[in-house]
Amino acid sequence: MKFMLDTVNLDKIRYYQSILPLAGVTSNPSIIKKEGKIDFYAHLKKIKEIIGSADLHVQVVGKLQEEIEKDAQDIVDHLGKETFIKIPVNEEGLAAIKSLKSKEFKVTATAIYTEFQAYLAIAAGADYLAPYYNRMENLNINAADVIYAMAEEIKRSSSPTEILAASFKNVNQVNQACRNGAQAITASPDIFEQALTMPAIQKAVTDFHDDWRETFATEKIYEL
């Protein structure tokens, strides 16, 4: 299972890089907007310095195929050919994915809401599919079923494409995505915080600590 961080906040990336088995960082224009006015490529280069060999996923902003491909070329020119180019799966995006894969770009097909979008992106050679879990649920789409169908098609076609599930509002949605076949997830720092700072976890840690001290108050098997 691959775990990625869906943010461009440098402090958050540094913090979770030290904790998580971090496979990468994902971004999109809305996430970047939250950071305010930044030097775009200089900022992303700082992220690359922090995460080392982990993957960086950067989204295009062009709407037409030629604009998307121009954005993709600009991204790799600044950040390296190993960068994954995030492209929404619509008509123009799908044409760009097909073209860019023929030129050996790394591509993450994003803004996926339906099985059919995923099937087309798999056939076009996308490296990752990024289904929007919570957004699907908000549209009364069964996100777990969609991800399961994607996983079955990948298996049936022996495709190297992987599912990078995204857009989560809680840990349970992450669990459901993993159970139904996602090979990777990307989540905001808030989701990882939810998972790791449950009151029950801290209570268990405190109880173990206190019980040890009460039982072995005068012994030092290891430093506490």
Protein backbone atom coordinates (compact mmCIF):
# COMPACT_ATOMS: atom_id res chain seq x y z
CA MET A 1 0.00 0.00 0.00
CA LYS A 2 1.30 3.44 -0.94
CA PHE A 3 0.50 6.48 1.17
CA MET A 4 0.75 9.97 -0.29
CA LEU A 5 0.19 13.40 1.18
CA ASP A 6 -2.28 15.72 -0.53
CA THR A 7 -0.80 19.12 0.30
CA VAL A 8 1.93 21.54 -0.74
CA ASN A 9 2.42 22.98 2.75
CA LEU A 10 6.14 22.62 3.40
CA ASP A 11 5.85 22.36 7.19
CA LYS A 12 3.23 19.61 6.94
CA ILE A 13 5.29 17.72 4.38
CA ARG A 14 8.42 17.90 6.54
CA TYR A 15 6.46 16.72 9.58
CA TYR A 16 4.76 13.75 7.92
CA GLN A 17 7.86 12.81 5.93
CA SER A 18 9.48 12.12 9.31
CA ILE A 19 6.56 9.92 10.43
CA LEU A 20 4.94 8.20 7.46
CA PRO A 21 6.25 5.69 4.94
CA LEU A 22 5.55 8.46 2.45
CA ALA A 23 5.37 7.35 -1.18
CA GLY A 24 4.71 10.78 -2.61
CA VAL A 25 3.04 14.17 -2.56
CA THR A 26 0.08 15.14 -4.72
CA SER A 27 -1.15 18.57 -5.62
CA ASN A 28 -3.74 20.42 -7.66
CA PRO A 29 -4.47 24.11 -8.35
CA SER A 30 -7.00 24.32 -5.49
CA ILE A 31 -4.48 22.96 -2.97
CA ILE A 32 -1.80 25.32 -4.27
CA LYS A 33 -4.20 28.28 -3.94
CA LYS A 34 -4.39 27.64 -0.18
CA GLU A 35 -0.68 28.52 0.12
CA GLY A 36 -1.29 32.00 -1.29
CA LYS A 37 1.10 33.67 -3.69
CA ILE A 38 4.09 31.39 -4.12
CA ASP A 39 6.84 30.96 -6.67
CA PHE A 40 5.25 27.85 -8.16
CA TYR A 41 8.22 25.88 -9.43
CA ALA A 42 10.58 27.05 -6.69
CA HIS A 43 8.03 25.82 -4.13
CA LEU A 44 7.63 22.44 -5.80
CA LYS A 45 11.40 22.05 -6.00
CA LYS A 46 11.51 22.53 -2.23
CA ILE A 47 8.96 19.72 -1.91
CA LYS A 48 11.19 17.48 -4.05
CA GLU A 49 14.12 18.25 -1.75
CA ILE A 50 12.06 17.21 1.28
CA ILE A 51 10.62 13.98 -0.14
CA GLY A 52 13.71 12.80 -1.98
CA SER A 53 12.96 9.87 -4.29
CA ALA A 54 9.23 9.80 -3.44
CA ASP A 55 6.83 10.72 -6.24
CA LEU A 56 5.51 14.19 -6.99
CA HIS A 57 2.17 14.58 -8.80
CA VAL A 58 1.46 17.96 -10.42
CA GLN A 59 -1.74 18.91 -12.24
CA VAL A 60 -2.08 20.67 -15.57
CA VAL A 61 -4.38 23.70 -15.91
CA GLY A 62 -4.91 23.73 -19.67
CA LYS A 63 -8.31 22.70 -21.01
CA LEU A 64 -7.49 21.77 -24.61
CA GLN A 65 -5.23 18.87 -25.59
CA GLU A 66 -2.46 21.11 -26.90
CA GLU A 67 -2.63 23.26 -23.75
CA ILE A 68 -2.47 20.19 -21.53
CA GLU A 69 0.53 18.82 -23.41
CA LYS A 70 2.28 22.20 -23.23
CA ASP A 71 1.66 22.31 -19.45
CA ALA A 72 3.01 18.77 -19.12
CA GLN A 73 6.18 19.63 -21.00
CA ASP A 74 6.67 22.76 -18.90
CA ILE A 75 6.25 20.75 -15.69
CA VAL A 76 8.83 18.12 -16.62
CA ASP A 77 11.21 20.76 -17.94
CA HIS A 78 11.22 22.38 -14.49
CA LEU A 79 10.77 19.35 -12.23
CA GLY A 80 12.09 16.35 -14.14
CA LYS A 81 10.72 13.55 -16.30
CA GLU A 82 9.99 11.48 -13.19
CA THR A 83 7.16 13.87 -12.24
CA PHE A 84 3.64 12.47 -12.59
CA ILE A 85 1.38 14.73 -14.67
CA LYS A 86 -2.18 14.88 -13.35
CA ILE A 87 -4.74 15.12 -16.14
CA PRO A 88 -8.55 15.15 -15.75
CA VAL A 89 -10.31 12.41 -17.70
CA ASN A 90 -12.53 14.19 -20.22
CA GLU A 91 -12.28 14.18 -24.01
CA GLU A 92 -9.36 16.60 -24.24
CA GLY A 93 -7.63 15.07 -21.24
CA LEU A 94 -7.93 11.54 -22.55
CA ALA A 95 -6.46 12.56 -25.89
CA ALA A 96 -3.57 14.20 -24.04
CA ILE A 97 -3.02 11.11 -21.85
CA LYS A 98 -2.82 8.91 -24.94
CA SER A 99 -0.37 11.29 -26.63
CA LEU A 100 1.82 11.88 -23.57
CA LYS A 101 2.08 8.17 -22.78
CA SER A 102 3.36 7.57 -26.31
CA LYS A 103 6.14 10.03 -25.37
CA GLU A 104 6.84 8.16 -22.10
CA PHE A 105 5.47 10.78 -19.72
CA LYS A 106 4.25 9.57 -16.32
CA VAL A 107 0.53 10.27 -16.02
CA THR A 108 -2.02 10.29 -13.21
CA ALA A 109 -5.55 10.32 -14.60
CA THR A 110 -7.60 12.43 -12.23
CA ALA A 111 -11.12 13.79 -11.62
CA ILE A 112 -12.49 10.24 -12.00
CA TYR A 113 -16.09 9.71 -10.93
CA THR A 114 -17.16 6.72 -13.01
CA GLU A 115 -16.02 3.23 -13.94
CA PHE A 116 -16.11 4.13 -17.63
CA GLN A 117 -13.70 7.03 -17.18
CA ALA A 118 -11.35 4.62 -15.44
CA TYR A 119 -11.64 1.97 -18.16
CA LEU A 120 -10.75 4.56 -20.81
CA ALA A 121 -7.79 5.86 -18.79
CA ILE A 122 -6.50 2.32 -18.24
CA ALA A 123 -6.71 1.64 -21.99
CA ALA A 124 -4.91 4.93 -22.69
CA GLY A 125 -2.02 3.79 -20.49
CA ALA A 126 -2.38 5.99 -17.40
CA ASP A 127 0.03 5.05 -14.62
CA TYR A 128 -2.44 5.98 -11.88
CA LEU A 129 -6.18 6.48 -11.63
CA ALA A 130 -7.32 9.05 -9.07
CA PRO A 131 -10.99 8.48 -8.20
CA TYR A 132 -12.56 11.17 -6.00
CA TYR A 133 -14.04 9.17 -3.13
CA ASN A 134 -15.91 11.78 -1.11
CA ARG A 135 -17.01 13.73 -4.16
CA MET A 136 -18.52 10.53 -5.59
CA GLU A 137 -20.39 9.92 -2.36
CA ASN A 138 -21.71 13.48 -2.44
CA LEU A 139 -23.17 12.67 -5.86
CA ASN A 140 -24.79 9.47 -4.52
CA ILE A 141 -22.27 7.34 -6.43
CA ASN A 142 -21.12 4.22 -4.61
CA ALA A 143 -17.42 5.03 -4.48
CA ALA A 144 -16.42 1.65 -3.04
CA ASP A 145 -18.13 -0.17 -5.91
CA VAL A 146 -16.48 2.07 -8.49
CA ILE A 147 -13.03 1.40 -7.04
CA TYR A 148 -13.74 -2.33 -6.91
CA ALA A 149 -14.72 -2.29 -10.60
CA MET A 150 -11.51 -0.42 -11.46
CA ALA A 151 -9.44 -3.00 -9.58
CA GLU A 152 -11.20 -5.85 -11.39
CA GLU A 153 -10.53 -4.27 -14.79
CA ILE A 154 -6.86 -3.78 -13.94
CA LYS A 155 -6.66 -7.43 -12.94
CA ARG A 156 -8.63 -8.64 -15.98
CA SER A 157 -6.51 -6.67 -18.45
CA SER A 158 -3.20 -7.31 -16.63
CA SER A 159 -2.65 -3.57 -16.69
CA PRO A 160 0.22 -1.94 -14.75
CA THR A 161 -2.12 0.96 -13.88
CA GLU A 162 -2.64 1.53 -10.16
CA ILE A 163 -5.51 3.13 -8.25
CA LEU A 164 -4.53 6.24 -6.30
CA ALA A 165 -7.73 7.02 -4.43
CA ALA A 166 -8.23 10.65 -3.41
CA SER A 167 -10.72 13.13 -1.93
CA PHE A 168 -11.40 11.80 1.57
CA LYS A 169 -13.26 13.39 4.47
CA ASN A 170 -12.59 10.68 7.04
CA VAL A 171 -10.52 7.59 7.79
CA ASN A 172 -13.39 5.18 7.13
CA GLN A 173 -13.50 6.28 3.50
CA VAL A 174 -9.77 5.54 3.23
CA ASN A 175 -10.35 2.09 4.72
CA GLN A 176 -13.14 1.37 2.23
CA ALA A 177 -10.99 2.45 -0.71
CA CYS A 178 -8.18 0.12 0.42
CA ARG A 179 -10.54 -2.79 1.03
CA ASN A 180 -11.96 -2.48 -2.45
CA GLY A 181 -8.69 -2.54 -4.32
CA ALA A 182 -6.92 0.82 -4.21
CA GLN A 183 -3.16 0.26 -4.31
CA ALA A 184 -2.45 3.80 -3.12
CA ILE A 185 -4.21 6.66 -1.39
CA THR A 186 -3.53 10.35 -1.09
CA ALA A 187 -5.00 12.25 1.82
CA SER A 188 -4.73 15.62 3.48
CA PRO A 189 -2.72 16.00 6.69
CA ASP A 190 -6.04 16.19 8.57
CA ILE A 191 -6.89 12.60 7.61
CA PHE A 192 -3.55 11.26 8.85
CA GLU A 193 -4.02 13.25 12.04
CA GLN A 194 -7.46 11.67 12.52
CA ALA A 195 -5.92 8.22 12.14
CA LEU A 196 -2.99 8.75 14.52
CA THR A 197 -4.38 10.94 17.30
CA MET A 198 -7.50 9.06 18.35
CA PRO A 199 -8.09 9.56 22.11
CA ALA A 200 -8.22 5.78 22.56
CA ILE A 201 -4.67 5.44 21.21
CA GLN A 202 -3.28 8.02 23.60
CA LYS A 203 -5.18 6.44 26.49
CA ALA A 204 -3.59 3.07 25.74
CA VAL A 205 -0.12 4.64 25.61
CA THR A 206 -0.72 6.46 28.90
CA ASP A 207 -2.10 3.33 30.60
CA PHE A 208 0.90 1.22 29.53
CA HIS A 209 3.29 3.91 30.69
CA ASP A 210 1.59 4.30 34.08
CA ASP A 211 1.26 0.55 34.66
CA TRP A 212 4.96 0.05 33.99
CA ARG A 213 5.93 2.80 36.41
CA GLU A 214 3.66 1.41 39.14
CA THR A 215 4.99 -2.13 38.71
CA PHE A 216 8.69 -1.42 38.22
CA ALA A 217 9.13 1.90 39.96
CA THR A 218 12.61 1.02 41.21
CA GLU A 219 13.83 -0.95 38.19
CA LYS A 220 15.24 0.35 34.94
CA ILE A 221 15.11 -2.22 32.20
CA TYR A 222 15.15 0.64 29.72
CA GLU A 223 14.98 4.38 29.97
CA LEU A 224 11.51 5.91 29.92
